[in-house]
Amino acid sequence: TSEKHIEELKQLLGNKPYRSKTIDQYHFLFAKSIQQVSKSRLEQGSISNNVEDFQYSDQILNASGWAFDNQTENSENDSILIALIKNDAIYLLEANIVERKDVTAYFNKENLDNSGFNKTSHLGALDKGEYDVLIIIKKPDGVLLRDSTHTKRRIQIE
């Protein structure tokens, strides 16, 4: 655990004294929530998505909406990820799945009920700089699909 991360955690928790074990648990959970991958892992796909809520403030990212692979009738086993991209570094945040029967009904597909998502994540441990934010669909076989036709959102981590 680096001193920078300890200081960030103390600020996040209100500068109260905390034992090292608490800080180490925080970093263990943080490390598990963000995965770094190479650009070569992302494959071009056809994704429909709508980010209905997107806020970034005080190093906290909040995002929600829906997304699915256009090539599927059933998204039951797909995962939705939020990608933060800076130069050649890609960081993936796995979103929570939210039931969206309205998406299934609107697109008249077999089952897109698992196409809703939400995610709240503290990004203070990432390197400072500007990041593009994209929605990624992870297929059951591990393939990561991105769709570059949608407008990228950007955040500035300071």
C-alpha atoms as a PDB file:
ATOM      1  CA  THR A   1       0.000   0.000   0.000  1.00  0.00           C
ATOM      2  CA  SER A   2       1.555   3.277  -1.076  1.00  0.00           C
ATOM      3  CA  GLU A   3       1.583   6.457   0.988  1.00  0.00           C
ATOM      4  CA  LYS A   4      -0.387   8.240  -1.750  1.00  0.00           C
ATOM      5  CA  HIS A   5      -3.204   5.707  -1.465  1.00  0.00           C
ATOM      6  CA  ILE A   6      -3.164   5.829   2.336  1.00  0.00           C
ATOM      7  CA  GLU A   7      -3.517   9.608   2.246  1.00  0.00           C
ATOM      8  CA  GLU A   8      -6.344   9.379  -0.306  1.00  0.00           C
ATOM      9  CA  LEU A   9      -8.137   6.849   1.873  1.00  0.00           C
ATOM     10  CA  LYS A  10      -7.718   9.031   4.965  1.00  0.00           C
ATOM     11  CA  GLN A  11      -9.196  11.996   3.070  1.00  0.00           C
ATOM     12  CA  LEU A  12     -12.018   9.837   1.761  1.00  0.00           C
ATOM     13  CA  LEU A  13     -12.777   8.639   5.291  1.00  0.00           C
ATOM     14  CA  GLY A  14     -12.538  12.077   6.863  1.00  0.00           C
ATOM     15  CA  ASN A  15      -8.924  12.019   8.150  1.00  0.00           C
ATOM     16  CA  LYS A  16      -9.897   9.822  11.081  1.00  0.00           C
ATOM     17  CA  PRO A  17      -7.217   7.438  12.404  1.00  0.00           C
ATOM     18  CA  TYR A  18      -7.590   3.968  10.901  1.00  0.00           C
ATOM     19  CA  ARG A  19      -5.618   0.832  11.435  1.00  0.00           C
ATOM     20  CA  SER A  20      -3.398  -0.451   8.644  1.00  0.00           C
ATOM     21  CA  LYS A  21      -5.586  -3.550   8.262  1.00  0.00           C
ATOM     22  CA  THR A  22      -8.585  -1.369   7.298  1.00  0.00           C
ATOM     23  CA  ILE A  23      -6.501   0.453   4.686  1.00  0.00           C
ATOM     24  CA  ASP A  24      -5.118  -2.807   3.283  1.00  0.00           C
ATOM     25  CA  GLN A  25      -8.664  -4.211   2.976  1.00  0.00           C
ATOM     26  CA  TYR A  26      -9.728  -1.069   1.102  1.00  0.00           C
ATOM     27  CA  HIS A  27      -6.890  -1.479  -1.401  1.00  0.00           C
ATOM     28  CA  PHE A  28      -7.589  -5.180  -1.817  1.00  0.00           C
ATOM     29  CA  LEU A  29     -11.202  -4.382  -2.708  1.00  0.00           C
ATOM     30  CA  PHE A  30     -10.134  -1.507  -4.982  1.00  0.00           C
ATOM     31  CA  ALA A  31      -7.584  -3.708  -6.806  1.00  0.00           C
ATOM     32  CA  LYS A  32     -10.257  -6.341  -7.427  1.00  0.00           C
ATOM     33  CA  SER A  33     -12.727  -3.809  -8.803  1.00  0.00           C
ATOM     34  CA  ILE A  34     -10.481  -2.414 -11.566  1.00  0.00           C
ATOM     35  CA  GLN A  35      -8.808  -4.669 -14.106  1.00  0.00           C
ATOM     36  CA  GLN A  36      -6.169  -3.451 -16.571  1.00  0.00           C
ATOM     37  CA  VAL A  37      -6.135  -4.959 -20.085  1.00  0.00           C
ATOM     38  CA  SER A  38      -4.330  -4.256 -23.345  1.00  0.00           C
ATOM     39  CA  LYS A  39      -6.029  -2.569 -26.318  1.00  0.00           C
ATOM     40  CA  SER A  40      -5.592  -5.775 -28.315  1.00  0.00           C
ATOM     41  CA  ARG A  41      -8.206  -7.436 -26.051  1.00  0.00           C
ATOM     42  CA  LEU A  42     -10.959  -5.107 -27.318  1.00  0.00           C
ATOM     43  CA  GLU A  43     -12.786  -6.246 -30.441  1.00  0.00           C
ATOM     44  CA  GLN A  44     -14.968  -4.041 -32.616  1.00  0.00           C
ATOM     45  CA  GLY A  45     -18.625  -4.907 -32.170  1.00  0.00           C
ATOM     46  CA  SER A  46     -22.063  -3.519 -32.687  1.00  0.00           C
ATOM     47  CA  ILE A  47     -23.416  -2.365 -29.343  1.00  0.00           C
ATOM     48  CA  SER A  48     -26.586  -0.476 -28.565  1.00  0.00           C
ATOM     49  CA  ASN A  49     -26.386   1.525 -25.357  1.00  0.00           C
ATOM     50  CA  ASN A  50     -27.758   4.496 -23.543  1.00  0.00           C
ATOM     51  CA  VAL A  51     -25.951   6.006 -20.568  1.00  0.00           C
ATOM     52  CA  GLU A  52     -28.876   7.578 -18.759  1.00  0.00           C
ATOM     53  CA  ASP A  53     -26.900   8.970 -15.836  1.00  0.00           C
ATOM     54  CA  PHE A  54     -23.212   9.883 -15.859  1.00  0.00           C
ATOM     55  CA  GLN A  55     -21.529  11.916 -13.141  1.00  0.00           C
ATOM     56  CA  TYR A  56     -17.910  12.308 -12.132  1.00  0.00           C
ATOM     57  CA  SER A  57     -17.041  14.424  -9.112  1.00  0.00           C
ATOM     58  CA  ASP A  58     -14.449  14.216  -6.327  1.00  0.00           C
ATOM     59  CA  GLN A  59     -12.908  11.114  -7.932  1.00  0.00           C
ATOM     60  CA  ILE A  60     -16.224   9.223  -7.764  1.00  0.00           C
ATOM     61  CA  LEU A  61     -17.734   7.907 -10.999  1.00  0.00           C
ATOM     62  CA  ASN A  62     -21.478   7.165 -11.091  1.00  0.00           C
ATOM     63  CA  ALA A  63     -22.949   5.719 -14.267  1.00  0.00           C
ATOM     64  CA  SER A  64     -26.149   3.888 -15.157  1.00  0.00           C
ATOM     65  CA  GLY A  65     -28.106   2.953 -18.242  1.00  0.00           C
ATOM     66  CA  TRP A  66     -28.403  -0.035 -20.536  1.00  0.00           C
ATOM     67  CA  ALA A  67     -26.277  -1.785 -23.172  1.00  0.00           C
ATOM     68  CA  PHE A  68     -26.366  -4.946 -25.267  1.00  0.00           C
ATOM     69  CA  ASP A  69     -24.643  -6.661 -28.186  1.00  0.00           C
ATOM     70  CA  ASN A  70     -26.763  -6.145 -31.320  1.00  0.00           C
ATOM     71  CA  GLN A  71     -25.752  -9.592 -32.585  1.00  0.00           C
ATOM     72  CA  THR A  72     -27.593 -11.372 -29.764  1.00  0.00           C
ATOM     73  CA  GLU A  73     -31.230 -12.100 -28.987  1.00  0.00           C
ATOM     74  CA  ASN A  74     -30.414 -12.964 -25.373  1.00  0.00           C
ATOM     75  CA  SER A  75     -28.035 -10.983 -23.131  1.00  0.00           C
ATOM     76  CA  GLU A  76     -28.543 -13.194 -20.073  1.00  0.00           C
ATOM     77  CA  ASN A  77     -24.900 -14.320 -19.870  1.00  0.00           C
ATOM     78  CA  ASP A  78     -23.236 -11.085 -21.018  1.00  0.00           C
ATOM     79  CA  SER A  79     -21.523  -8.678 -18.623  1.00  0.00           C
ATOM     80  CA  ILE A  80     -21.370  -4.909 -18.936  1.00  0.00           C
ATOM     81  CA  LEU A  81     -18.108  -3.102 -18.244  1.00  0.00           C
ATOM     82  CA  ILE A  82     -17.093   0.513 -18.144  1.00  0.00           C
ATOM     83  CA  ALA A  83     -13.725   1.132 -19.799  1.00  0.00           C
ATOM     84  CA  LEU A  84     -11.443   3.993 -18.821  1.00  0.00           C
ATOM     85  CA  ILE A  85      -8.879   4.559 -21.581  1.00  0.00           C
ATOM     86  CA  LYS A  86      -5.768   6.724 -21.331  1.00  0.00           C
ATOM     87  CA  ASN A  87      -3.209   6.358 -24.120  1.00  0.00           C
ATOM     88  CA  ASP A  88      -2.521   2.603 -24.285  1.00  0.00           C
ATOM     89  CA  ALA A  89      -3.824   1.831 -20.798  1.00  0.00           C
ATOM     90  CA  ILE A  90      -7.340   0.418 -20.461  1.00  0.00           C
ATOM     91  CA  TYR A  91      -8.971  -0.063 -17.079  1.00  0.00           C
ATOM     92  CA  LEU A  92     -12.203  -2.041 -16.820  1.00  0.00           C
ATOM     93  CA  LEU A  93     -14.867  -1.632 -14.149  1.00  0.00           C
ATOM     94  CA  GLU A  94     -17.476  -4.380 -13.995  1.00  0.00           C
ATOM     95  CA  ALA A  95     -20.920  -2.830 -13.680  1.00  0.00           C
ATOM     96  CA  ASN A  96     -23.774  -4.193 -11.621  1.00  0.00           C
ATOM     97  CA  ILE A  97     -26.529  -5.729 -13.726  1.00  0.00           C
ATOM     98  CA  VAL A  98     -29.972  -4.149 -13.370  1.00  0.00           C
ATOM     99  CA  GLU A  99     -33.108  -5.794 -14.730  1.00  0.00           C
ATOM    100  CA  ARG A 100     -34.527  -3.831 -17.701  1.00  0.00           C
ATOM    101  CA  LYS A 101     -37.589  -5.578 -19.136  1.00  0.00           C
ATOM    102  CA  ASP A 102     -38.401  -2.308 -20.915  1.00  0.00           C
ATOM    103  CA  VAL A 103     -35.313  -2.742 -23.127  1.00  0.00           C
ATOM    104  CA  THR A 104     -36.442  -6.260 -24.127  1.00  0.00           C
ATOM    105  CA  ALA A 105     -39.907  -4.940 -24.987  1.00  0.00           C
ATOM    106  CA  TYR A 106     -38.689  -1.875 -26.904  1.00  0.00           C
ATOM    107  CA  PHE A 107     -36.182  -3.766 -29.086  1.00  0.00           C
ATOM    108  CA  ASN A 108     -38.489  -6.792 -29.470  1.00  0.00           C
ATOM    109  CA  LYS A 109     -35.727  -9.288 -28.703  1.00  0.00           C
ATOM    110  CA  GLU A 110     -35.902 -12.637 -26.911  1.00  0.00           C
ATOM    111  CA  ASN A 111     -34.314 -11.522 -23.607  1.00  0.00           C
ATOM    112  CA  LEU A 112     -32.459  -8.281 -22.935  1.00  0.00           C
ATOM    113  CA  ASP A 113     -33.670  -8.128 -19.335  1.00  0.00           C
ATOM    114  CA  ASN A 114     -30.050  -8.153 -18.072  1.00  0.00           C
ATOM    115  CA  SER A 115     -29.032  -5.179 -20.203  1.00  0.00           C
ATOM    116  CA  GLY A 116     -29.361  -2.573 -17.445  1.00  0.00           C
ATOM    117  CA  PHE A 117     -26.328  -1.480 -15.460  1.00  0.00           C
ATOM    118  CA  ASN A 118     -25.101   0.821 -12.744  1.00  0.00           C
ATOM    119  CA  LYS A 119     -21.676   1.471 -11.274  1.00  0.00           C
ATOM    120  CA  THR A 120     -20.230   3.680  -8.582  1.00  0.00           C
ATOM    121  CA  SER A 121     -16.459   3.612  -8.242  1.00  0.00           C
ATOM    122  CA  HIS A 122     -13.722   5.646  -6.559  1.00  0.00           C
ATOM    123  CA  LEU A 123     -11.002   6.325  -9.153  1.00  0.00           C
ATOM    124  CA  GLY A 124      -8.439   8.117  -6.977  1.00  0.00           C
ATOM    125  CA  ALA A 125      -5.800   5.396  -7.311  1.00  0.00           C
ATOM    126  CA  LEU A 126      -5.580   5.775 -11.107  1.00  0.00           C
ATOM    127  CA  ASP A 127      -2.880   7.951 -12.641  1.00  0.00           C
ATOM    128  CA  LYS A 128      -3.820  11.573 -13.156  1.00  0.00           C
ATOM    129  CA  GLY A 129      -4.910  12.630 -16.605  1.00  0.00           C
ATOM    130  CA  GLU A 130      -7.746  12.565 -19.109  1.00  0.00           C
ATOM    131  CA  TYR A 131      -9.585   9.288 -19.735  1.00  0.00           C
ATOM    132  CA  ASP A 132     -12.095   8.310 -22.422  1.00  0.00           C
ATOM    133  CA  VAL A 133     -15.031   6.381 -20.990  1.00  0.00           C
ATOM    134  CA  LEU A 134     -16.685   3.658 -23.097  1.00  0.00           C
ATOM    135  CA  ILE A 135     -19.215   0.897 -22.527  1.00  0.00           C
ATOM    136  CA  ILE A 136     -17.931  -2.637 -23.170  1.00  0.00           C
ATOM    137  CA  ILE A 137     -19.868  -5.907 -23.451  1.00  0.00           C
ATOM    138  CA  LYS A 138     -18.066  -8.984 -22.137  1.00  0.00           C
ATOM    139  CA  LYS A 139     -19.302 -12.176 -23.773  1.00  0.00           C
ATOM    140  CA  PRO A 140     -19.390 -15.498 -21.845  1.00  0.00           C
ATOM    141  CA  ASP A 141     -16.257 -16.670 -23.712  1.00  0.00           C
ATOM    142  CA  GLY A 142     -14.334 -13.604 -22.463  1.00  0.00           C
ATOM    143  CA  VAL A 143     -14.460 -11.594 -25.701  1.00  0.00           C
ATOM    144  CA  LEU A 144     -14.634  -7.840 -25.010  1.00  0.00           C
ATOM    145  CA  LEU A 145     -16.739  -5.894 -27.524  1.00  0.00           C
ATOM    146  CA  ARG A 146     -16.521  -2.130 -27.951  1.00  0.00           C
ATOM    147  CA  ASP A 147     -18.503   0.158 -30.181  1.00  0.00           C
ATOM    148  CA  SER A 148     -16.681   3.281 -31.306  1.00  0.00           C
ATOM    149  CA  THR A 149     -19.700   4.802 -33.041  1.00  0.00           C
ATOM    150  CA  HIS A 150     -21.069   6.268 -29.801  1.00  0.00           C
ATOM    151  CA  THR A 151     -19.784   9.528 -28.442  1.00  0.00           C
ATOM    152  CA  LYS A 152     -17.042   8.968 -25.927  1.00  0.00           C
ATOM    153  CA  ARG A 153     -17.327  10.631 -22.572  1.00  0.00           C
ATOM    154  CA  ARG A 154     -14.229  12.046 -20.944  1.00  0.00           C
ATOM    155  CA  ILE A 155     -13.202  12.518 -17.348  1.00  0.00           C
ATOM    156  CA  GLN A 156     -10.204  14.283 -15.847  1.00  0.00           C
ATOM    157  CA  ILE A 157      -8.610  12.549 -12.856  1.00  0.00           C
ATOM    158  CA  GLU A 158      -6.619  14.992 -10.739  1.00  0.00           C
END
